[in-house]
Amino acid sequence: MEEVLLLGLKDKQGYLSFWNDNIFYTLRGCILMELALRGRIAMTKDSNRRKCPLSDRIIE
């Protein structure tokens, strides 16, 4: 994760540039991956969730 952050930093100024907004999405993904690899979070199958096709959903 630190390597990704370092790639987005400006060399002389030491901050993330304004055009590099996508780095935040990448860092969030890295955090989730790191937590999953350490076993701190996991995906669960919830059979109680109501599943319906997109065409059946009510749109207001």
C-alpha atoms as a PDB file:
ATOM      1  CA  MET A   1       0.000   0.000   0.000  1.00  0.00           C
ATOM      2  CA  GLU A   2       2.849   2.374   0.780  1.00  0.00           C
ATOM      3  CA  GLU A   3       4.300   1.838  -2.678  1.00  0.00           C
ATOM      4  CA  VAL A   4       1.047   2.925  -4.319  1.00  0.00           C
ATOM      5  CA  LEU A   5       0.963   6.072  -2.204  1.00  0.00           C
ATOM      6  CA  LEU A   6       4.564   6.882  -3.088  1.00  0.00           C
ATOM      7  CA  LEU A   7       3.785   6.536  -6.797  1.00  0.00           C
ATOM      8  CA  GLY A   8       1.157   9.262  -6.507  1.00  0.00           C
ATOM      9  CA  LEU A   9       3.308  11.778  -4.621  1.00  0.00           C
ATOM     10  CA  LYS A  10       4.915  14.725  -6.343  1.00  0.00           C
ATOM     11  CA  ASP A  11       8.686  14.446  -5.999  1.00  0.00           C
ATOM     12  CA  LYS A  12       9.623  17.962  -4.921  1.00  0.00           C
ATOM     13  CA  GLN A  13       6.444  19.114  -3.184  1.00  0.00           C
ATOM     14  CA  GLY A  14       5.673  15.893  -1.287  1.00  0.00           C
ATOM     15  CA  TYR A  15       1.885  15.885  -1.709  1.00  0.00           C
ATOM     16  CA  LEU A  16      -0.614  14.170  -3.989  1.00  0.00           C
ATOM     17  CA  SER A  17      -1.371  16.134  -7.108  1.00  0.00           C
ATOM     18  CA  PHE A  18      -4.932  17.279  -7.802  1.00  0.00           C
ATOM     19  CA  TRP A  19      -5.200  15.313 -11.078  1.00  0.00           C
ATOM     20  CA  ASN A  20      -4.449  12.045  -9.348  1.00  0.00           C
ATOM     21  CA  ASP A  21      -7.856  11.571  -7.685  1.00  0.00           C
ATOM     22  CA  ASN A  22      -7.979   7.909  -8.695  1.00  0.00           C
ATOM     23  CA  ILE A  23      -5.166   7.130  -6.266  1.00  0.00           C
ATOM     24  CA  PHE A  24      -7.682   7.317  -3.404  1.00  0.00           C
ATOM     25  CA  TYR A  25      -9.791   4.540  -4.957  1.00  0.00           C
ATOM     26  CA  THR A  26      -6.652   2.469  -5.393  1.00  0.00           C
ATOM     27  CA  LEU A  27      -5.586   3.034  -1.796  1.00  0.00           C
ATOM     28  CA  ARG A  28      -9.031   2.009  -0.536  1.00  0.00           C
ATOM     29  CA  GLY A  29      -8.761  -1.179  -2.570  1.00  0.00           C
ATOM     30  CA  CYS A  30      -5.303  -1.829  -1.134  1.00  0.00           C
ATOM     31  CA  ILE A  31      -6.637  -1.403   2.396  1.00  0.00           C
ATOM     32  CA  LEU A  32      -9.445  -3.883   1.728  1.00  0.00           C
ATOM     33  CA  MET A  33      -7.030  -6.389   0.191  1.00  0.00           C
ATOM     34  CA  GLU A  34      -4.613  -6.065   3.086  1.00  0.00           C
ATOM     35  CA  LEU A  35      -7.383  -6.582   5.649  1.00  0.00           C
ATOM     36  CA  ALA A  36      -8.655  -9.620   3.730  1.00  0.00           C
ATOM     37  CA  LEU A  37      -5.184 -11.154   3.527  1.00  0.00           C
ATOM     38  CA  ARG A  38      -4.749 -10.716   7.284  1.00  0.00           C
ATOM     39  CA  GLY A  39      -8.109 -12.369   7.901  1.00  0.00           C
ATOM     40  CA  ARG A  40      -9.648  -9.276   9.473  1.00  0.00           C
ATOM     41  CA  ILE A  41     -12.543  -9.091   6.979  1.00  0.00           C
ATOM     42  CA  ALA A  42     -14.270 -11.701   4.852  1.00  0.00           C
ATOM     43  CA  MET A  43     -17.094 -12.044   2.385  1.00  0.00           C
ATOM     44  CA  THR A  44     -20.210 -13.830   3.576  1.00  0.00           C
ATOM     45  CA  LYS A  45     -23.065 -15.323   1.641  1.00  0.00           C
ATOM     46  CA  ASP A  46     -26.309 -13.972   2.991  1.00  0.00           C
ATOM     47  CA  SER A  47     -29.165 -16.211   1.963  1.00  0.00           C
ATOM     48  CA  ASN A  48     -31.641 -13.829   3.586  1.00  0.00           C
ATOM     49  CA  ARG A  49     -30.965 -11.102   1.036  1.00  0.00           C
ATOM     50  CA  ARG A  50     -33.766 -10.651  -1.414  1.00  0.00           C
ATOM     51  CA  LYS A  51     -32.481 -11.111  -4.902  1.00  0.00           C
ATOM     52  CA  CYS A  52     -34.475  -9.820  -7.819  1.00  0.00           C
ATOM     53  CA  PRO A  53     -33.513  -9.098 -11.402  1.00  0.00           C
ATOM     54  CA  LEU A  54     -32.824  -5.503 -12.312  1.00  0.00           C
ATOM     55  CA  SER A  55     -35.893  -5.327 -14.538  1.00  0.00           C
ATOM     56  CA  ASP A  56     -38.159  -6.230 -11.589  1.00  0.00           C
ATOM     57  CA  ARG A  57     -36.956  -3.416  -9.356  1.00  0.00           C
ATOM     58  CA  ILE A  58     -39.236  -0.458  -8.800  1.00  0.00           C
ATOM     59  CA  ILE A  59     -37.810   2.812 -10.051  1.00  0.00           C
ATOM     60  CA  GLU A  60     -39.377   6.022  -8.808  1.00  0.00           C
END
